[in-house]
Every structure is written in structure tokens, then in C-alpha cells.
Amino acid sequence: MVPDHRLHGVVRPQPPAAGEGLRLGIRQGSGSAGTPEAVEENLERLERLSELAAGQGVQLLAFPELYLTGYIVTPAVARLLAEPVDGPSLGRVAAIALFDRDGSLLRNYRKTHLWGPDEKRCWSAGYHHPEEGRPTRCSR
């Protein structure tokens, strides 16, 4: 796989000190979607970009929603690629950037506002099924 990432923007010599700001990295781009091989490719890219970002002192690295599977997939493809919240893909992500000090997932976002007819055909708003648990709200 050919690396397809570059750093853009201004990078100051040192990340901000605690309480002085935040060095943010954002991944935006195209990638494979809709297959187990695509998930693996996207995980490998996430691992490489995380290493690159850490070397630049990035304190928070953000990827697009549905980064691992690709955004617009059919319900059948979503079922094929679905994993439990403690599945192998999030296990690999947790090994890169621990979610909490003990590696546990702090929040699991379920999209509740679908945009346009295409999203409404492929997705359902979150928290419709009892096994999804109850929604949680983050306190400010």
C-alpha cells in the first residue's frame, strides 16, 4: 500500500502546554470501503497516521465517522462488517490510543439525526433496539 498522507498546515516547534491549547490532527481523505479488506487497510492507515501524529506531538487525532468501514454502505454490508463494541477493530484502535487510562471505551456515539434520503435509506437513527443500551449524555 502506497502511503497517501501528508502533513498540512503550520506546526509550531512544541505542542501547547497543559491548559494553553491543543495540538489537533484531522484525517480527511478517501479510502477503501465496504469490505473486510477495506477495514484492514483503513486500520493500517490509522496506525501509520497515529504514529506520524504522535511524532508531531498531536494531542487529539480525529478521523471521519465510519472511517473503518467507509461511509455509505448498504444495510447488508453493514451487517457483514459489524463487530461488537469490544471487537477486534476497536481493540486495535484502543492499543494505539487508549480510550481511558485502563483502555476502556468512554462513549459510543449512535447517530440520531440522519441527513437526506440516502442516509435514511442506509441507516436508522441510534438507540432503537434494547441491546444498544440507553443513550448517555456527556456533562460539561
N, C-alpha and C. Protein backbone atom coordinates (compact mmCIF):
# COMPACT_ATOMS: atom_id res chain seq x y z
N MET A 1 0.85 -1.16 0.00
CA MET A 1 0.00 0.00 0.00
C MET A 1 0.90 1.24 0.00
N VAL A 2 0.62 2.16 -0.90
CA VAL A 2 1.41 3.38 -1.01
C VAL A 2 0.89 4.39 0.00
N PRO A 3 1.77 4.96 0.83
CA PRO A 3 1.30 5.97 1.78
C PRO A 3 0.68 7.15 1.03
N ASP A 4 -0.47 7.61 1.44
CA ASP A 4 -1.16 8.70 0.76
C ASP A 4 -1.45 9.84 1.72
N HIS A 5 -0.56 10.06 2.65
CA HIS A 5 -0.81 11.10 3.64
C HIS A 5 0.36 12.08 3.69
N ARG A 6 -0.01 13.31 3.96
CA ARG A 6 0.97 14.37 4.12
C ARG A 6 0.50 15.24 5.28
N LEU A 7 1.41 15.93 5.88
CA LEU A 7 1.04 16.90 6.91
C LEU A 7 0.83 18.25 6.24
N HIS A 8 -0.28 18.88 6.56
CA HIS A 8 -0.58 20.20 6.03
C HIS A 8 -0.73 21.17 7.18
N GLY A 9 -0.45 22.41 6.94
CA GLY A 9 -0.68 23.43 7.95
C GLY A 9 0.61 23.85 8.63
N VAL A 10 0.42 24.65 9.63
CA VAL A 10 1.53 25.19 10.40
C VAL A 10 1.73 24.34 11.64
N VAL A 11 2.93 23.88 11.85
CA VAL A 11 3.24 23.10 13.04
C VAL A 11 4.28 23.89 13.84
N ARG A 12 3.89 24.30 15.02
CA ARG A 12 4.83 25.01 15.89
C ARG A 12 5.83 24.00 16.45
N PRO A 13 6.98 24.48 16.90
CA PRO A 13 8.02 23.54 17.36
C PRO A 13 7.58 22.63 18.50
N GLN A 14 6.76 23.12 19.42
CA GLN A 14 6.33 22.33 20.57
C GLN A 14 4.80 22.37 20.68
N PRO A 15 4.18 21.27 21.12
CA PRO A 15 2.74 21.32 21.36
C PRO A 15 2.44 22.28 22.50
N PRO A 16 1.22 22.78 22.57
CA PRO A 16 0.86 23.69 23.67
C PRO A 16 1.01 23.00 25.02
N ALA A 17 1.39 23.77 26.01
CA ALA A 17 1.47 23.24 27.37
C ALA A 17 0.06 22.98 27.89
N ALA A 18 -0.04 22.16 28.92
CA ALA A 18 -1.33 21.87 29.52
C ALA A 18 -2.04 23.17 29.87
N GLY A 19 -3.29 23.29 29.47
CA GLY A 19 -4.07 24.48 29.75
C GLY A 19 -3.82 25.63 28.79
N GLU A 20 -2.90 25.47 27.86
CA GLU A 20 -2.55 26.54 26.92
C GLU A 20 -3.12 26.33 25.53
N GLY A 21 -3.72 25.21 25.27
CA GLY A 21 -4.25 24.93 23.94
C GLY A 21 -4.18 23.44 23.64
N LEU A 22 -4.36 23.10 22.39
CA LEU A 22 -4.42 21.70 21.99
C LEU A 22 -3.84 21.55 20.59
N ARG A 23 -2.97 20.59 20.40
CA ARG A 23 -2.48 20.27 19.05
C ARG A 23 -3.39 19.17 18.50
N LEU A 24 -4.09 19.54 17.44
CA LEU A 24 -5.12 18.69 16.85
C LEU A 24 -4.67 18.17 15.50
N GLY A 25 -4.91 16.89 15.24
CA GLY A 25 -4.68 16.30 13.93
C GLY A 25 -6.02 15.81 13.39
N ILE A 26 -6.27 16.07 12.11
CA ILE A 26 -7.54 15.66 11.50
C ILE A 26 -7.25 14.89 10.22
N ARG A 27 -7.84 13.72 10.08
CA ARG A 27 -7.70 12.91 8.87
C ARG A 27 -8.93 13.12 8.01
N GLN A 28 -8.72 13.57 6.80
CA GLN A 28 -9.79 13.69 5.83
C GLN A 28 -9.25 13.20 4.51
N GLY A 29 -9.96 12.34 3.83
CA GLY A 29 -9.47 11.83 2.56
C GLY A 29 -10.30 10.65 2.13
N SER A 30 -9.87 10.02 1.08
CA SER A 30 -10.60 8.86 0.57
C SER A 30 -9.87 7.59 0.95
N GLY A 31 -10.59 6.50 0.85
CA GLY A 31 -10.02 5.20 1.17
C GLY A 31 -10.96 4.11 0.70
N SER A 32 -10.59 2.90 0.92
CA SER A 32 -11.42 1.77 0.54
C SER A 32 -12.63 1.67 1.45
N ALA A 33 -13.69 1.02 0.96
CA ALA A 33 -14.91 0.92 1.75
C ALA A 33 -15.66 -0.36 1.44
N GLY A 34 -16.40 -0.82 2.46
CA GLY A 34 -17.40 -1.85 2.25
C GLY A 34 -16.96 -3.30 2.22
N THR A 35 -15.70 -3.59 2.55
CA THR A 35 -15.24 -4.98 2.58
C THR A 35 -14.36 -5.20 3.80
N PRO A 36 -14.20 -6.44 4.22
CA PRO A 36 -13.27 -6.71 5.32
C PRO A 36 -11.85 -6.25 4.98
N GLU A 37 -11.45 -6.36 3.71
CA GLU A 37 -10.12 -5.90 3.30
C GLU A 37 -10.00 -4.38 3.44
N ALA A 38 -11.08 -3.67 3.16
CA ALA A 38 -11.08 -2.21 3.32
C ALA A 38 -10.90 -1.84 4.79
N VAL A 39 -11.58 -2.55 5.68
CA VAL A 39 -11.44 -2.28 7.12
C VAL A 39 -9.98 -2.48 7.53
N GLU A 40 -9.37 -3.56 7.07
CA GLU A 40 -7.96 -3.82 7.39
C GLU A 40 -7.06 -2.72 6.84
N GLU A 41 -7.27 -2.32 5.60
CA GLU A 41 -6.47 -1.24 5.00
C GLU A 41 -6.64 0.06 5.79
N ASN A 42 -7.85 0.37 6.17
CA ASN A 42 -8.10 1.61 6.92
C ASN A 42 -7.51 1.55 8.32
N LEU A 43 -7.53 0.37 8.95
CA LEU A 43 -6.87 0.22 10.25
C LEU A 43 -5.36 0.41 10.12
N GLU A 44 -4.77 -0.16 9.08
CA GLU A 44 -3.34 0.01 8.87
C GLU A 44 -2.98 1.48 8.66
N ARG A 45 -3.81 2.21 7.89
CA ARG A 45 -3.58 3.64 7.68
C ARG A 45 -3.72 4.39 9.00
N LEU A 46 -4.72 4.03 9.80
CA LEU A 46 -4.92 4.68 11.10
C LEU A 46 -3.69 4.47 11.98
N GLU A 47 -3.13 3.28 11.96
CA GLU A 47 -1.93 3.01 12.75
C GLU A 47 -0.76 3.86 12.28
N ARG A 48 -0.56 3.95 10.96
CA ARG A 48 0.55 4.75 10.43
C ARG A 48 0.37 6.23 10.74
N LEU A 49 -0.85 6.73 10.53
CA LEU A 49 -1.10 8.15 10.77
C LEU A 49 -0.99 8.48 12.26
N SER A 50 -1.39 7.57 13.12
CA SER A 50 -1.27 7.81 14.55
C SER A 50 0.19 7.91 14.97
N GLU A 51 1.02 7.07 14.40
CA GLU A 51 2.46 7.14 14.69
C GLU A 51 3.05 8.45 14.18
N LEU A 52 2.68 8.85 12.97
CA LEU A 52 3.14 10.12 12.42
C LEU A 52 2.68 11.29 13.28
N ALA A 53 1.40 11.28 13.68
CA ALA A 53 0.85 12.36 14.50
C ALA A 53 1.53 12.41 15.87
N ALA A 54 1.78 11.26 16.47
CA ALA A 54 2.46 11.24 17.77
C ALA A 54 3.85 11.86 17.66
N GLY A 55 4.53 11.59 16.54
CA GLY A 55 5.84 12.17 16.33
C GLY A 55 5.81 13.69 16.18
N GLN A 56 4.65 14.23 15.85
CA GLN A 56 4.48 15.68 15.72
C GLN A 56 3.87 16.29 16.98
N GLY A 57 3.71 15.48 18.03
CA GLY A 57 3.16 16.00 19.28
C GLY A 57 1.65 16.23 19.25
N VAL A 58 0.94 15.57 18.34
CA VAL A 58 -0.52 15.73 18.27
C VAL A 58 -1.13 15.17 19.55
N GLN A 59 -2.03 15.95 20.14
CA GLN A 59 -2.68 15.55 21.40
C GLN A 59 -4.06 14.96 21.18
N LEU A 60 -4.71 15.29 20.07
CA LEU A 60 -6.02 14.73 19.73
C LEU A 60 -6.04 14.51 18.23
N LEU A 61 -6.28 13.28 17.81
CA LEU A 61 -6.31 12.92 16.40
C LEU A 61 -7.71 12.46 16.06
N ALA A 62 -8.34 13.11 15.07
CA ALA A 62 -9.73 12.81 14.70
C ALA A 62 -9.81 12.22 13.30
N PHE A 63 -10.66 11.22 13.17
CA PHE A 63 -10.94 10.58 11.88
C PHE A 63 -12.42 10.75 11.59
N PRO A 64 -12.82 10.68 10.31
CA PRO A 64 -14.24 10.82 9.98
C PRO A 64 -15.09 9.69 10.56
N GLU A 65 -16.38 9.97 10.73
CA GLU A 65 -17.28 8.91 11.18
C GLU A 65 -17.27 7.79 10.15
N LEU A 66 -17.43 6.57 10.62
CA LEU A 66 -17.41 5.38 9.78
C LEU A 66 -16.10 5.23 9.00
N TYR A 67 -15.03 5.73 9.56
CA TYR A 67 -13.73 5.68 8.90
C TYR A 67 -13.32 4.25 8.54
N LEU A 68 -13.52 3.32 9.44
CA LEU A 68 -13.02 1.96 9.18
C LEU A 68 -13.77 1.25 8.07
N THR A 69 -15.08 1.39 8.01
CA THR A 69 -15.88 0.66 7.02
C THR A 69 -16.11 1.44 5.74
N GLY A 70 -15.97 2.75 5.80
CA GLY A 70 -16.39 3.60 4.69
C GLY A 70 -17.78 4.11 5.00
N TYR A 71 -18.13 5.24 4.42
CA TYR A 71 -19.34 5.92 4.88
C TYR A 71 -20.64 5.32 4.38
N ILE A 72 -20.85 5.28 3.10
CA ILE A 72 -22.16 4.87 2.63
C ILE A 72 -22.12 3.41 2.19
N VAL A 73 -22.58 2.57 3.04
CA VAL A 73 -22.67 1.14 2.75
C VAL A 73 -24.13 0.73 2.94
N THR A 74 -24.50 -0.35 2.26
CA THR A 74 -25.88 -0.83 2.38
C THR A 74 -26.08 -1.52 3.73
N PRO A 75 -27.33 -1.71 4.14
CA PRO A 75 -27.56 -2.45 5.39
C PRO A 75 -26.93 -3.84 5.38
N ALA A 76 -26.93 -4.51 4.23
CA ALA A 76 -26.34 -5.85 4.15
C ALA A 76 -24.83 -5.79 4.39
N VAL A 77 -24.17 -4.80 3.82
CA VAL A 77 -22.72 -4.64 4.03
C VAL A 77 -22.44 -4.25 5.47
N ALA A 78 -23.28 -3.39 6.03
CA ALA A 78 -23.10 -3.00 7.43
C ALA A 78 -23.20 -4.23 8.34
N ARG A 79 -24.14 -5.11 8.07
CA ARG A 79 -24.26 -6.34 8.88
C ARG A 79 -23.03 -7.23 8.71
N LEU A 80 -22.51 -7.31 7.49
CA LEU A 80 -21.32 -8.12 7.21
C LEU A 80 -20.11 -7.62 8.00
N LEU A 81 -19.97 -6.31 8.08
CA LEU A 81 -18.79 -5.71 8.71
C LEU A 81 -18.98 -5.40 10.20
N ALA A 82 -20.18 -5.58 10.70
CA ALA A 82 -20.47 -5.21 12.10
C ALA A 82 -19.62 -6.04 13.07
N GLU A 83 -19.21 -5.38 14.14
CA GLU A 83 -18.47 -6.02 15.22
C GLU A 83 -19.07 -5.55 16.53
N PRO A 84 -18.92 -6.32 17.59
CA PRO A 84 -19.34 -5.80 18.90
C PRO A 84 -18.46 -4.63 19.29
N VAL A 85 -18.93 -3.83 20.21
CA VAL A 85 -18.18 -2.65 20.62
C VAL A 85 -16.80 -3.02 21.17
N ASP A 86 -16.64 -4.23 21.67
CA ASP A 86 -15.32 -4.67 22.15
C ASP A 86 -14.65 -5.62 21.15
N GLY A 87 -15.00 -5.46 19.87
CA GLY A 87 -14.47 -6.33 18.83
C GLY A 87 -13.03 -6.04 18.47
N PRO A 88 -12.50 -6.80 17.51
CA PRO A 88 -11.08 -6.69 17.18
C PRO A 88 -10.66 -5.34 16.61
N SER A 89 -11.51 -4.69 15.84
CA SER A 89 -11.11 -3.40 15.26
C SER A 89 -10.92 -2.34 16.33
N LEU A 90 -11.90 -2.19 17.22
CA LEU A 90 -11.73 -1.20 18.29
C LEU A 90 -10.64 -1.61 19.26
N GLY A 91 -10.38 -2.91 19.38
CA GLY A 91 -9.24 -3.36 20.19
C GLY A 91 -7.94 -2.83 19.63
N ARG A 92 -7.80 -2.85 18.30
CA ARG A 92 -6.58 -2.31 17.68
C ARG A 92 -6.50 -0.80 17.86
N VAL A 93 -7.64 -0.11 17.72
CA VAL A 93 -7.64 1.33 17.92
C VAL A 93 -7.27 1.66 19.37
N ALA A 94 -7.83 0.91 20.32
CA ALA A 94 -7.53 1.15 21.74
C ALA A 94 -6.06 0.93 22.04
N ALA A 95 -5.42 -0.01 21.35
CA ALA A 95 -3.99 -0.26 21.58
C ALA A 95 -3.14 0.92 21.10
N ILE A 96 -3.65 1.68 20.14
CA ILE A 96 -2.92 2.83 19.62
C ILE A 96 -3.10 4.02 20.55
N ALA A 97 -4.35 4.30 20.89
CA ALA A 97 -4.68 5.48 21.70
C ALA A 97 -5.72 5.06 22.72
N LEU A 98 -5.26 4.82 23.90
CA LEU A 98 -6.18 4.30 24.93
C LEU A 98 -7.34 5.25 25.14
N PHE A 99 -8.51 4.70 25.23
CA PHE A 99 -9.71 5.49 25.40
C PHE A 99 -9.81 6.06 26.81
N ASP A 100 -9.37 5.29 27.77
CA ASP A 100 -9.33 5.71 29.16
C ASP A 100 -8.01 5.16 29.69
N ARG A 101 -7.68 5.49 30.89
CA ARG A 101 -6.38 5.02 31.43
C ARG A 101 -6.27 3.51 31.43
N ASP A 102 -7.42 2.82 31.57
CA ASP A 102 -7.38 1.36 31.54
C ASP A 102 -7.73 0.78 30.18
N GLY A 103 -7.92 1.65 29.16
CA GLY A 103 -8.22 1.18 27.81
C GLY A 103 -9.69 0.97 27.54
N SER A 104 -10.56 1.33 28.47
CA SER A 104 -11.99 1.12 28.24
C SER A 104 -12.60 2.27 27.44
N LEU A 105 -13.61 1.93 26.66
CA LEU A 105 -14.30 2.89 25.82
C LEU A 105 -15.13 3.83 26.70
N LEU A 106 -14.95 5.12 26.51
CA LEU A 106 -15.66 6.10 27.32
C LEU A 106 -17.06 6.38 26.79
N ARG A 107 -17.23 6.50 25.51
CA ARG A 107 -18.52 6.80 24.89
C ARG A 107 -18.63 6.04 23.59
N ASN A 108 -19.85 5.70 23.22
CA ASN A 108 -20.14 5.08 21.93
C ASN A 108 -21.26 5.89 21.30
N TYR A 109 -20.93 6.63 20.26
CA TYR A 109 -21.89 7.54 19.62
C TYR A 109 -22.78 6.78 18.65
N ARG A 110 -24.05 7.01 18.73
CA ARG A 110 -25.01 6.48 17.77
C ARG A 110 -25.68 7.68 17.10
N LYS A 111 -25.51 7.80 15.81
CA LYS A 111 -26.06 8.94 15.07
C LYS A 111 -27.58 8.96 15.20
N THR A 112 -28.13 10.10 15.55
CA THR A 112 -29.58 10.20 15.73
C THR A 112 -30.24 11.11 14.70
N HIS A 113 -29.48 11.92 14.00
CA HIS A 113 -30.04 12.83 13.01
C HIS A 113 -29.49 12.48 11.64
N LEU A 114 -30.31 11.81 10.85
CA LEU A 114 -29.87 11.38 9.53
C LEU A 114 -30.12 12.50 8.52
N TRP A 115 -29.18 12.67 7.61
CA TRP A 115 -29.26 13.73 6.62
C TRP A 115 -29.67 13.17 5.27
N GLY A 116 -30.71 13.70 4.71
CA GLY A 116 -31.10 13.40 3.34
C GLY A 116 -31.61 11.98 3.12
N PRO A 117 -32.17 11.74 1.94
CA PRO A 117 -32.78 10.44 1.64
C PRO A 117 -31.78 9.29 1.58
N ASP A 118 -30.54 9.56 1.14
CA ASP A 118 -29.57 8.47 1.04
C ASP A 118 -29.21 7.91 2.40
N GLU A 119 -28.96 8.78 3.38
CA GLU A 119 -28.67 8.28 4.73
C GLU A 119 -29.86 7.54 5.30
N LYS A 120 -31.05 8.06 5.08
CA LYS A 120 -32.25 7.43 5.64
C LYS A 120 -32.51 6.07 5.01
N ARG A 121 -32.05 5.83 3.78
CA ARG A 121 -32.20 4.52 3.15
C ARG A 121 -31.22 3.50 3.73
N CYS A 122 -30.04 3.97 4.12
CA CYS A 122 -28.97 3.05 4.54
C CYS A 122 -28.82 2.91 6.04
N TRP A 123 -29.33 3.85 6.83
CA TRP A 123 -29.09 3.85 8.26
C TRP A 123 -30.39 4.08 9.02
N SER A 124 -30.39 3.67 10.25
CA SER A 124 -31.50 4.02 11.14
C SER A 124 -30.92 4.84 12.29
N ALA A 125 -31.73 5.75 12.79
CA ALA A 125 -31.25 6.59 13.90
C ALA A 125 -30.93 5.70 15.10
N GLY A 126 -29.95 6.07 15.90
CA GLY A 126 -29.46 5.25 17.00
C GLY A 126 -30.46 5.00 18.11
N TYR A 127 -30.20 3.98 18.88
CA TYR A 127 -30.94 3.61 20.07
C TYR A 127 -32.39 3.23 19.79
N HIS A 128 -32.56 2.37 18.79
CA HIS A 128 -33.89 1.83 18.51
C HIS A 128 -34.09 0.45 19.14
N HIS A 129 -33.01 -0.24 19.41
CA HIS A 129 -33.09 -1.61 19.88
C HIS A 129 -32.57 -1.71 21.32
N PRO A 130 -33.24 -2.50 22.16
CA PRO A 130 -32.83 -2.59 23.57
C PRO A 130 -31.37 -3.00 23.76
N GLU A 131 -30.85 -3.85 22.87
CA GLU A 131 -29.46 -4.31 23.04
C GLU A 131 -28.44 -3.20 22.80
N GLU A 132 -28.88 -2.06 22.25
CA GLU A 132 -27.96 -0.93 22.04
C GLU A 132 -27.71 -0.17 23.34
N GLY A 133 -28.50 -0.46 24.35
CA GLY A 133 -28.34 0.24 25.61
C GLY A 133 -29.04 1.59 25.57
N ARG A 134 -28.88 2.32 26.63
CA ARG A 134 -29.50 3.63 26.73
C ARG A 134 -28.51 4.70 26.29
N PRO A 135 -28.99 5.76 25.66
CA PRO A 135 -28.08 6.84 25.29
C PRO A 135 -27.52 7.51 26.54
N THR A 136 -26.31 7.98 26.44
CA THR A 136 -25.70 8.71 27.56
C THR A 136 -25.42 10.12 27.11
N ARG A 137 -25.47 11.02 28.04
CA ARG A 137 -25.16 12.41 27.74
C ARG A 137 -23.87 12.77 28.48
N CYS A 138 -23.02 13.46 27.77
CA CYS A 138 -21.78 13.93 28.40
C CYS A 138 -22.09 15.21 29.17
N SER A 139 -21.62 15.28 30.39
CA SER A 139 -21.80 16.52 31.16
C SER A 139 -20.68 17.48 30.78
N ARG A 140 -20.97 18.74 30.87
CA ARG A 140 -19.96 19.76 30.52
C ARG A 140 -19.30 20.29 31.75
